[in-house]
Amino acid sequence: MTYNIKVAGLERELTLCPINDKVMIAGFVIFGDVELTCACARELLKIAPPFDYMVAPEAKAIPLIHEMARQSGRNEYFLVRKAPKLYMKGVFEAEDQSITTEGKQKLYMDGADAEKMRGKRILVLDDVISTGGSLKAVENLVEQAGGIVCGRMAILAEGEAADRDDILYLEKLPLFDSQGNIIE
């Protein structure tokens, strides 16, 4: 089963993936889709609030944040990682519960990145916002770093996230029942 979506002027066919016996999500993946990544970055930058830096969780948002940095002329952006790396110093963490990841996970920020964020306007990005778990964890890390969250953006807002007034996004992405029907 699939779902067709038009985003940033482009049409894509998304595969429906069950997350339990009753609900399916449409798998939206920008990895390898340069045309879609560039178009979405362009459209998000048109509606982005003023910011000093951008931050995103690894991994599916990496192409998006990179392209937004490139198009906006910024030379730097930050990622929060799913595991601390040896080169990271002064690491701190926040817990995340994502709809696409089984169980709880932790996200980690490098202390050097945190120093640069202190007192700065930080734009939080993701490819899809659904439950808001990843978004909340990233915001927690930004706040721990002393940064000021100036906006929350995603390509798609899934399910109830589309009803939030604190997220900027390009298109709504519905949830689906086990038969592939849109859940209203």
N, C-alpha and C. Protein backbone atom coordinates (compact mmCIF):
# COMPACT_ATOMS: atom_id res chain seq x y z
N MET A 1 0.84 -1.18 0.00
CA MET A 1 0.00 0.00 0.00
C MET A 1 0.89 1.24 0.00
N THR A 2 0.41 2.25 -0.67
CA THR A 2 1.17 3.49 -0.78
C THR A 2 0.26 4.71 -0.60
N TYR A 3 0.90 5.85 -0.41
CA TYR A 3 0.20 7.13 -0.30
C TYR A 3 0.96 8.13 -1.16
N ASN A 4 0.25 8.85 -2.00
CA ASN A 4 0.87 9.87 -2.84
C ASN A 4 0.78 11.22 -2.16
N ILE A 5 1.90 11.93 -2.16
CA ILE A 5 1.96 13.24 -1.53
C ILE A 5 2.64 14.22 -2.49
N LYS A 6 2.22 15.46 -2.41
CA LYS A 6 2.88 16.54 -3.15
C LYS A 6 3.46 17.48 -2.10
N VAL A 7 4.78 17.68 -2.17
CA VAL A 7 5.46 18.55 -1.23
C VAL A 7 6.54 19.34 -1.97
N ALA A 8 6.61 20.62 -1.70
CA ALA A 8 7.56 21.52 -2.35
C ALA A 8 7.46 21.43 -3.87
N GLY A 9 6.24 21.22 -4.35
CA GLY A 9 6.00 21.16 -5.79
C GLY A 9 6.33 19.83 -6.45
N LEU A 10 6.72 18.85 -5.66
CA LEU A 10 7.10 17.54 -6.20
C LEU A 10 6.18 16.46 -5.67
N GLU A 11 5.90 15.48 -6.51
CA GLU A 11 5.06 14.35 -6.09
C GLU A 11 5.93 13.15 -5.77
N ARG A 12 5.56 12.46 -4.69
CA ARG A 12 6.26 11.25 -4.29
C ARG A 12 5.24 10.22 -3.83
N GLU A 13 5.58 8.94 -4.05
CA GLU A 13 4.75 7.82 -3.59
C GLU A 13 5.43 7.22 -2.37
N LEU A 14 4.72 7.23 -1.24
CA LEU A 14 5.27 6.76 0.03
C LEU A 14 4.69 5.39 0.39
N THR A 15 5.54 4.50 0.83
CA THR A 15 5.10 3.17 1.26
C THR A 15 4.50 3.26 2.65
N LEU A 16 3.36 2.60 2.86
CA LEU A 16 2.73 2.55 4.18
C LEU A 16 3.39 1.45 5.01
N CYS A 17 3.74 1.80 6.25
CA CYS A 17 4.47 0.90 7.14
C CYS A 17 3.70 0.76 8.45
N PRO A 18 3.38 -0.48 8.86
CA PRO A 18 2.66 -0.66 10.12
C PRO A 18 3.55 -0.35 11.32
N ILE A 19 2.98 0.39 12.29
CA ILE A 19 3.71 0.61 13.54
C ILE A 19 3.10 -0.21 14.68
N ASN A 20 1.86 -0.69 14.45
CA ASN A 20 1.22 -1.65 15.35
C ASN A 20 0.07 -2.29 14.56
N ASP A 21 -0.80 -3.04 15.23
CA ASP A 21 -1.89 -3.74 14.54
C ASP A 21 -2.95 -2.83 13.97
N LYS A 22 -3.01 -1.58 14.44
CA LYS A 22 -4.09 -0.68 14.04
C LYS A 22 -3.66 0.53 13.23
N VAL A 23 -2.38 0.89 13.31
CA VAL A 23 -1.94 2.14 12.69
C VAL A 23 -0.73 1.92 11.78
N MET A 24 -0.77 2.60 10.63
CA MET A 24 0.36 2.62 9.71
C MET A 24 0.77 4.07 9.47
N ILE A 25 2.05 4.24 9.16
CA ILE A 25 2.55 5.56 8.77
C ILE A 25 3.08 5.46 7.35
N ALA A 26 3.14 6.60 6.68
CA ALA A 26 3.73 6.66 5.34
C ALA A 26 5.21 6.95 5.50
N GLY A 27 6.03 6.06 4.97
CA GLY A 27 7.48 6.22 5.10
C GLY A 27 8.00 7.34 4.21
N PHE A 28 8.44 8.41 4.82
CA PHE A 28 8.97 9.56 4.09
C PHE A 28 10.47 9.61 4.32
N VAL A 29 11.24 9.37 3.27
CA VAL A 29 12.70 9.31 3.40
C VAL A 29 13.31 10.20 2.31
N ILE A 30 14.10 11.19 2.73
CA ILE A 30 14.73 12.06 1.75
C ILE A 30 16.14 11.59 1.38
N PHE A 31 16.66 10.59 2.07
CA PHE A 31 17.97 10.06 1.72
C PHE A 31 18.00 9.71 0.24
N GLY A 32 18.99 10.21 -0.46
CA GLY A 32 19.17 9.87 -1.87
C GLY A 32 18.29 10.63 -2.84
N ASP A 33 17.34 11.41 -2.34
CA ASP A 33 16.44 12.17 -3.22
C ASP A 33 16.88 13.63 -3.20
N VAL A 34 17.88 13.93 -4.00
CA VAL A 34 18.48 15.26 -4.02
C VAL A 34 17.46 16.31 -4.45
N GLU A 35 16.67 16.01 -5.47
CA GLU A 35 15.67 16.97 -5.95
C GLU A 35 14.71 17.36 -4.84
N LEU A 36 14.19 16.37 -4.12
CA LEU A 36 13.24 16.64 -3.05
C LEU A 36 13.90 17.38 -1.89
N THR A 37 15.10 16.96 -1.52
CA THR A 37 15.81 17.61 -0.42
C THR A 37 16.04 19.09 -0.73
N CYS A 38 16.51 19.39 -1.93
CA CYS A 38 16.78 20.79 -2.31
C CYS A 38 15.51 21.62 -2.35
N ALA A 39 14.44 21.05 -2.89
CA ALA A 39 13.16 21.77 -2.98
C ALA A 39 12.59 22.04 -1.59
N CYS A 40 12.64 21.05 -0.71
CA CYS A 40 12.10 21.24 0.64
C CYS A 40 12.93 22.25 1.42
N ALA A 41 14.24 22.21 1.28
CA ALA A 41 15.10 23.18 1.96
C ALA A 41 14.76 24.59 1.50
N ARG A 42 14.61 24.77 0.22
CA ARG A 42 14.27 26.09 -0.35
C ARG A 42 12.95 26.61 0.23
N GLU A 43 11.93 25.76 0.27
CA GLU A 43 10.61 26.18 0.75
C GLU A 43 10.61 26.43 2.25
N LEU A 44 11.34 25.63 3.01
CA LEU A 44 11.41 25.86 4.46
C LEU A 44 12.15 27.16 4.77
N LEU A 45 13.20 27.46 4.03
CA LEU A 45 13.92 28.72 4.27
C LEU A 45 13.04 29.93 4.00
N LYS A 46 12.09 29.81 3.10
CA LYS A 46 11.17 30.93 2.81
C LYS A 46 10.31 31.28 4.02
N ILE A 47 10.02 30.31 4.87
CA ILE A 47 9.12 30.54 6.01
C ILE A 47 9.84 30.49 7.36
N ALA A 48 11.16 30.32 7.33
CA ALA A 48 11.93 30.20 8.57
C ALA A 48 12.00 31.53 9.31
N PRO A 49 11.89 31.51 10.63
CA PRO A 49 12.10 32.72 11.43
C PRO A 49 13.59 33.07 11.42
N PRO A 50 13.94 34.28 11.81
CA PRO A 50 15.36 34.62 11.91
C PRO A 50 16.06 33.69 12.91
N PHE A 51 17.26 33.22 12.55
CA PHE A 51 18.00 32.30 13.40
C PHE A 51 19.49 32.52 13.26
N ASP A 52 20.23 32.06 14.27
CA ASP A 52 21.69 32.12 14.23
C ASP A 52 22.28 30.78 13.80
N TYR A 53 21.70 29.69 14.32
CA TYR A 53 22.15 28.35 13.99
C TYR A 53 20.95 27.42 13.85
N MET A 54 21.20 26.30 13.17
CA MET A 54 20.19 25.25 13.05
C MET A 54 20.73 23.99 13.73
N VAL A 55 19.80 23.19 14.26
CA VAL A 55 20.16 21.92 14.87
C VAL A 55 19.10 20.89 14.46
N ALA A 56 19.55 19.65 14.29
CA ALA A 56 18.63 18.57 13.92
C ALA A 56 19.13 17.27 14.55
N PRO A 57 18.20 16.33 14.77
CA PRO A 57 18.61 15.01 15.25
C PRO A 57 19.17 14.19 14.09
N GLU A 58 20.15 13.33 14.39
CA GLU A 58 20.57 12.41 13.34
C GLU A 58 19.50 11.34 13.23
N ALA A 59 19.15 10.81 12.13
CA ALA A 59 19.92 10.74 10.92
C ALA A 59 19.12 11.28 9.72
N LYS A 60 17.80 11.04 9.69
CA LYS A 60 17.06 11.37 8.46
C LYS A 60 17.00 12.86 8.16
N ALA A 61 17.25 13.72 9.12
CA ALA A 61 17.21 15.16 8.88
C ALA A 61 18.55 15.71 8.39
N ILE A 62 19.59 14.90 8.36
CA ILE A 62 20.91 15.38 7.98
C ILE A 62 20.94 15.98 6.57
N PRO A 63 20.41 15.32 5.55
CA PRO A 63 20.45 15.96 4.23
C PRO A 63 19.71 17.30 4.21
N LEU A 64 18.60 17.39 4.94
CA LEU A 64 17.81 18.61 4.97
C LEU A 64 18.59 19.76 5.61
N ILE A 65 19.15 19.54 6.79
CA ILE A 65 19.86 20.62 7.47
C ILE A 65 21.09 21.04 6.68
N HIS A 66 21.75 20.08 6.06
CA HIS A 66 22.92 20.40 5.24
C HIS A 66 22.52 21.30 4.06
N GLU A 67 21.46 20.94 3.39
CA GLU A 67 21.02 21.72 2.23
C GLU A 67 20.49 23.09 2.64
N MET A 68 19.80 23.16 3.78
CA MET A 68 19.34 24.46 4.26
C MET A 68 20.53 25.36 4.62
N ALA A 69 21.56 24.78 5.21
CA ALA A 69 22.76 25.55 5.52
C ALA A 69 23.42 26.03 4.23
N ARG A 70 23.53 25.16 3.24
CA ARG A 70 24.14 25.52 1.97
C ARG A 70 23.37 26.64 1.28
N GLN A 71 22.05 26.47 1.18
CA GLN A 71 21.24 27.47 0.48
C GLN A 71 21.20 28.81 1.21
N SER A 72 21.29 28.79 2.52
CA SER A 72 21.23 30.03 3.30
C SER A 72 22.60 30.70 3.44
N GLY A 73 23.65 30.05 2.95
CA GLY A 73 24.99 30.61 3.05
C GLY A 73 25.65 30.42 4.40
N ARG A 74 25.08 29.56 5.23
CA ARG A 74 25.65 29.32 6.56
C ARG A 74 26.74 28.25 6.43
N ASN A 75 27.77 28.41 7.21
CA ASN A 75 28.87 27.45 7.15
C ASN A 75 28.82 26.42 8.27
N GLU A 76 27.82 26.51 9.12
CA GLU A 76 27.81 25.64 10.28
C GLU A 76 26.39 25.30 10.70
N TYR A 77 26.20 24.06 11.11
CA TYR A 77 24.96 23.61 11.73
C TYR A 77 25.33 22.53 12.73
N PHE A 78 24.38 22.16 13.57
CA PHE A 78 24.67 21.20 14.62
C PHE A 78 23.74 19.99 14.52
N LEU A 79 24.30 18.86 14.91
CA LEU A 79 23.52 17.62 14.99
C LEU A 79 23.55 17.11 16.41
N VAL A 80 22.43 16.56 16.84
CA VAL A 80 22.44 15.80 18.09
C VAL A 80 22.52 14.34 17.66
N ARG A 81 23.33 13.60 18.37
CA ARG A 81 23.68 12.25 17.97
C ARG A 81 22.91 11.20 18.77
N LYS A 82 22.81 10.01 18.21
CA LYS A 82 22.15 8.90 18.89
C LYS A 82 23.10 8.17 19.84
N ALA A 83 24.38 8.47 19.72
CA ALA A 83 25.39 7.90 20.61
C ALA A 83 26.53 8.89 20.72
N PRO A 84 27.14 9.00 21.90
CA PRO A 84 28.30 9.90 22.00
C PRO A 84 29.47 9.34 21.18
N LYS A 85 30.26 10.22 20.61
CA LYS A 85 31.42 9.84 19.81
C LYS A 85 32.68 10.22 20.57
N LEU A 86 33.79 9.55 20.27
CA LEU A 86 35.04 9.80 20.99
C LEU A 86 35.51 11.24 20.87
N TYR A 87 35.23 11.89 19.76
CA TYR A 87 35.68 13.27 19.55
C TYR A 87 34.80 14.29 20.26
N MET A 88 33.68 13.87 20.83
CA MET A 88 32.78 14.79 21.53
C MET A 88 33.28 14.99 22.96
N LYS A 89 33.32 16.24 23.39
CA LYS A 89 33.78 16.58 24.75
C LYS A 89 32.65 17.30 25.48
N GLY A 90 32.53 17.07 26.78
CA GLY A 90 31.50 17.74 27.57
C GLY A 90 30.10 17.36 27.11
N VAL A 91 29.92 16.10 26.78
CA VAL A 91 28.66 15.60 26.22
C VAL A 91 27.55 15.64 27.26
N PHE A 92 26.36 16.02 26.81
CA PHE A 92 25.18 15.87 27.67
C PHE A 92 24.06 15.26 26.87
N GLU A 93 23.00 14.79 27.54
CA GLU A 93 22.00 13.95 26.89
C GLU A 93 20.58 14.34 27.26
N ALA A 94 19.66 13.86 26.41
CA ALA A 94 18.22 13.97 26.66
C ALA A 94 17.57 12.71 26.11
N GLU A 95 16.46 12.31 26.72
CA GLU A 95 15.75 11.10 26.29
C GLU A 95 14.73 11.42 25.24
N ASP A 96 14.56 10.49 24.30
CA ASP A 96 13.67 10.65 23.15
C ASP A 96 12.80 9.41 23.00
N GLN A 97 11.53 9.64 22.68
CA GLN A 97 10.61 8.56 22.33
C GLN A 97 10.02 8.92 20.98
N SER A 98 10.49 8.25 19.94
CA SER A 98 10.07 8.54 18.57
C SER A 98 9.13 7.45 18.07
N ILE A 99 8.20 7.83 17.19
CA ILE A 99 7.25 6.87 16.63
C ILE A 99 7.94 5.87 15.70
N THR A 100 9.08 6.26 15.13
CA THR A 100 9.76 5.39 14.17
C THR A 100 10.90 4.58 14.78
N THR A 101 11.15 4.75 16.07
CA THR A 101 12.20 4.01 16.75
C THR A 101 11.58 3.26 17.92
N GLU A 102 11.82 1.95 17.97
CA GLU A 102 11.24 1.15 19.03
C GLU A 102 11.92 1.46 20.36
N GLY A 103 11.13 1.70 21.37
CA GLY A 103 11.66 1.97 22.70
C GLY A 103 12.20 3.38 22.82
N LYS A 104 12.72 3.67 24.00
CA LYS A 104 13.30 4.98 24.26
C LYS A 104 14.74 4.99 23.79
N GLN A 105 15.17 6.16 23.35
CA GLN A 105 16.57 6.32 22.99
C GLN A 105 17.07 7.62 23.60
N LYS A 106 18.35 7.79 23.62
CA LYS A 106 18.94 9.02 24.13
C LYS A 106 19.58 9.76 22.97
N LEU A 107 19.56 11.08 23.07
CA LEU A 107 20.23 11.93 22.11
C LEU A 107 21.32 12.69 22.86
N TYR A 108 22.43 12.94 22.17
CA TYR A 108 23.61 13.52 22.79
C TYR A 108 24.08 14.76 22.04
N MET A 109 24.54 15.76 22.79
CA MET A 109 25.08 16.98 22.20
C MET A 109 26.52 17.16 22.65
N ASP A 110 27.34 17.59 21.72
CA ASP A 110 28.74 17.90 21.99
C ASP A 110 28.82 19.22 22.76
N GLY A 111 29.63 19.25 23.79
CA GLY A 111 29.80 20.46 24.58
C GLY A 111 30.35 21.63 23.77
N ALA A 112 31.17 21.35 22.76
CA ALA A 112 31.71 22.43 21.91
C ALA A 112 30.59 23.08 21.11
N ASP A 113 29.66 22.28 20.62
CA ASP A 113 28.50 22.83 19.90
C ASP A 113 27.64 23.65 20.86
N ALA A 114 27.49 23.14 22.06
CA ALA A 114 26.67 23.83 23.07
C ALA A 114 27.23 25.22 23.36
N GLU A 115 28.55 25.33 23.44
CA GLU A 115 29.18 26.63 23.71
C GLU A 115 28.79 27.65 22.64
N LYS A 116 28.76 27.23 21.40
CA LYS A 116 28.42 28.13 20.29
C LYS A 116 26.95 28.54 20.33
N MET A 117 26.10 27.70 20.91
CA MET A 117 24.66 27.96 20.96
C MET A 117 24.26 28.95 22.05
N ARG A 118 25.08 29.06 23.08
CA ARG A 118 24.71 29.86 24.24
C ARG A 118 24.29 31.27 23.84
N GLY A 119 23.05 31.64 24.20
CA GLY A 119 22.51 32.96 23.91
C GLY A 119 22.11 33.20 22.46
N LYS A 120 22.21 32.18 21.63
CA LYS A 120 21.90 32.32 20.20
C LYS A 120 20.50 31.78 19.88
N ARG A 121 19.93 32.30 18.79
CA ARG A 121 18.63 31.82 18.29
C ARG A 121 18.85 30.53 17.51
N ILE A 122 18.20 29.47 17.98
CA ILE A 122 18.41 28.15 17.41
C ILE A 122 17.12 27.65 16.75
N LEU A 123 17.23 27.29 15.49
CA LEU A 123 16.12 26.73 14.72
C LEU A 123 16.23 25.21 14.76
N VAL A 124 15.21 24.54 15.30
CA VAL A 124 15.20 23.09 15.41
C VAL A 124 14.51 22.52 14.18
N LEU A 125 15.19 21.59 13.50
CA LEU A 125 14.67 20.99 12.27
C LEU A 125 14.50 19.49 12.41
N ASP A 126 13.55 18.94 11.66
CA ASP A 126 13.44 17.50 11.49
C ASP A 126 12.76 17.25 10.15
N ASP A 127 12.83 16.03 9.68
CA ASP A 127 12.17 15.73 8.40
C ASP A 127 10.67 15.60 8.61
N VAL A 128 10.27 14.86 9.63
CA VAL A 128 8.85 14.66 9.96
C VAL A 128 8.69 14.83 11.46
N ILE A 129 7.67 15.57 11.86
CA ILE A 129 7.33 15.66 13.28
C ILE A 129 6.01 14.93 13.46
N SER A 130 5.99 13.96 14.36
CA SER A 130 4.79 13.17 14.61
C SER A 130 4.36 13.33 16.06
N THR A 131 4.96 12.57 16.94
CA THR A 131 4.61 12.68 18.36
C THR A 131 5.27 13.87 19.01
N GLY A 132 6.35 14.35 18.42
CA GLY A 132 7.10 15.46 18.98
C GLY A 132 8.17 15.02 19.96
N GLY A 133 8.37 13.71 20.11
CA GLY A 133 9.36 13.20 21.06
C GLY A 133 10.78 13.62 20.72
N SER A 134 11.18 13.47 19.48
CA SER A 134 12.53 13.87 19.07
C SER A 134 12.69 15.38 19.19
N LEU A 135 11.66 16.10 18.78
CA LEU A 135 11.68 17.56 18.86
C LEU A 135 11.90 18.02 20.29
N LYS A 136 11.17 17.42 21.22
CA LYS A 136 11.28 17.78 22.63
C LYS A 136 12.69 17.49 23.17
N ALA A 137 13.25 16.35 22.78
CA ALA A 137 14.58 16.00 23.24
C ALA A 137 15.63 16.98 22.71
N VAL A 138 15.51 17.37 21.44
CA VAL A 138 16.45 18.33 20.86
C VAL A 138 16.31 19.68 21.55
N GLU A 139 15.07 20.10 21.77
CA GLU A 139 14.84 21.37 22.47
C GLU A 139 15.45 21.34 23.87
N ASN A 140 15.30 20.22 24.55
CA ASN A 140 15.88 20.07 25.89
C ASN A 140 17.39 20.28 25.84
N LEU A 141 18.05 19.70 24.83
CA LEU A 141 19.49 19.86 24.69
C LEU A 141 19.88 21.30 24.38
N VAL A 142 19.11 21.95 23.51
CA VAL A 142 19.37 23.36 23.17
C VAL A 142 19.26 24.22 24.43
N GLU A 143 18.23 23.97 25.22
CA GLU A 143 18.03 24.74 26.45
C GLU A 143 19.14 24.47 27.46
N GLN A 144 19.57 23.20 27.57
CA GLN A 144 20.70 22.88 28.45
C GLN A 144 21.95 23.63 28.02
N ALA A 145 22.09 23.84 26.70
CA ALA A 145 23.25 24.54 26.15
C ALA A 145 23.15 26.05 26.33
N GLY A 146 21.99 26.55 26.73
CA GLY A 146 21.81 27.98 26.88
C GLY A 146 21.35 28.66 25.61
N GLY A 147 20.95 27.86 24.61
CA GLY A 147 20.43 28.41 23.37
C GLY A 147 18.97 28.79 23.51
N ILE A 148 18.48 29.59 22.59
CA ILE A 148 17.09 30.04 22.59
C ILE A 148 16.39 29.43 21.38
N VAL A 149 15.45 28.54 21.61
CA VAL A 149 14.71 27.93 20.51
C VAL A 149 13.84 29.02 19.88
N CYS A 150 14.13 29.36 18.63
CA CYS A 150 13.39 30.43 17.95
C CYS A 150 12.36 29.88 16.97
N GLY A 151 12.41 28.57 16.72
CA GLY A 151 11.45 27.98 15.81
C GLY A 151 11.64 26.48 15.71
N ARG A 152 10.57 25.82 15.27
CA ARG A 152 10.54 24.38 15.07
C ARG A 152 10.01 24.15 13.67
N MET A 153 10.76 23.40 12.85
CA MET A 153 10.35 23.21 11.46
C MET A 153 10.53 21.76 11.04
N ALA A 154 9.68 21.36 10.11
CA ALA A 154 9.79 20.04 9.50
C ALA A 154 9.22 20.10 8.09
N ILE A 155 9.60 19.14 7.31
CA ILE A 155 9.00 19.04 5.98
C ILE A 155 7.53 18.67 6.13
N LEU A 156 7.28 17.65 6.97
CA LEU A 156 5.92 17.15 7.17
C LEU A 156 5.54 17.13 8.64
N ALA A 157 4.27 17.40 8.91
CA ALA A 157 3.70 17.23 10.25
C ALA A 157 2.72 16.08 10.15
N GLU A 158 2.97 15.05 10.93
CA GLU A 158 2.20 13.81 10.83
C GLU A 158 1.16 13.72 11.94
N GLY A 159 -0.04 13.28 11.57
CA GLY A 159 -1.09 13.07 12.57
C GLY A 159 -1.42 14.35 13.31
N GLU A 160 -1.49 14.25 14.64
CA GLU A 160 -1.88 15.39 15.48
C GLU A 160 -0.85 16.52 15.48
N ALA A 161 0.38 16.24 15.07
CA ALA A 161 1.39 17.31 15.02
C ALA A 161 0.95 18.42 14.07
N ALA A 162 0.14 18.08 13.07
CA ALA A 162 -0.34 19.08 12.11
C ALA A 162 -1.27 20.10 12.76
N ASP A 163 -1.80 19.76 13.94
CA ASP A 163 -2.70 20.68 14.65
C ASP A 163 -1.94 21.63 15.58
N ARG A 164 -0.65 21.40 15.77
CA ARG A 164 0.13 22.26 16.65
C ARG A 164 0.38 23.60 15.98
N ASP A 165 0.34 24.66 16.77
CA ASP A 165 0.58 25.99 16.20
C ASP A 165 2.01 26.47 16.44
N ASP A 166 2.85 25.62 17.02
CA ASP A 166 4.24 26.00 17.28
C ASP A 166 5.23 25.36 16.32
N ILE A 167 4.72 24.72 15.26
CA ILE A 167 5.56 24.05 14.28
C ILE A 167 5.28 24.63 12.89
N LEU A 168 6.34 24.94 12.18
CA LEU A 168 6.21 25.35 10.78
C LEU A 168 6.54 24.13 9.93
N TYR A 169 5.71 23.85 8.94
CA TYR A 169 5.93 22.68 8.09
C TYR A 169 5.35 22.95 6.71
N LEU A 170 5.73 22.09 5.76
CA LEU A 170 5.29 22.28 4.38
C LEU A 170 3.97 21.58 4.08
N GLU A 171 3.79 20.36 4.58
CA GLU A 171 2.57 19.61 4.29
C GLU A 171 2.19 18.73 5.48
N LYS A 172 0.90 18.40 5.52
CA LYS A 172 0.39 17.45 6.51
C LYS A 172 0.57 16.03 5.97
N LEU A 173 0.85 15.11 6.87
CA LEU A 173 0.95 13.70 6.53
C LEU A 173 -0.01 12.93 7.44
N PRO A 174 -1.03 12.32 6.86
CA PRO A 174 -2.00 11.62 7.72
C PRO A 174 -1.44 10.31 8.27
N LEU A 175 -2.13 9.80 9.26
CA LEU A 175 -1.91 8.44 9.74
C LEU A 175 -2.93 7.55 9.04
N PHE A 176 -2.67 6.25 9.01
CA PHE A 176 -3.52 5.32 8.28
C PHE A 176 -3.90 4.15 9.16
N ASP A 177 -5.10 3.59 8.93
CA ASP A 177 -5.51 2.40 9.66
C ASP A 177 -4.85 1.18 9.00
N SER A 178 -5.10 0.01 9.54
CA SER A 178 -4.44 -1.21 9.04
C SER A 178 -4.86 -1.58 7.61
N GLN A 179 -5.92 -0.96 7.12
CA GLN A 179 -6.36 -1.21 5.74
C GLN A 179 -5.84 -0.15 4.76
N GLY A 180 -5.12 0.82 5.29
CA GLY A 180 -4.58 1.87 4.44
C GLY A 180 -5.47 3.08 4.27
N ASN A 181 -6.55 3.15 5.06
CA ASN A 181 -7.45 4.29 5.02
C ASN A 181 -6.93 5.40 5.94
N ILE A 182 -7.10 6.64 5.51
CA ILE A 182 -6.68 7.77 6.32
C ILE A 182 -7.50 7.83 7.60
N ILE A 183 -6.80 7.98 8.71
CA ILE A 183 -7.47 8.15 10.01
C ILE A 183 -7.79 9.63 10.17
N GLU A 184 -9.04 9.94 10.30
CA GLU A 184 -9.46 11.34 10.44
C GLU A 184 -9.36 11.80 11.86
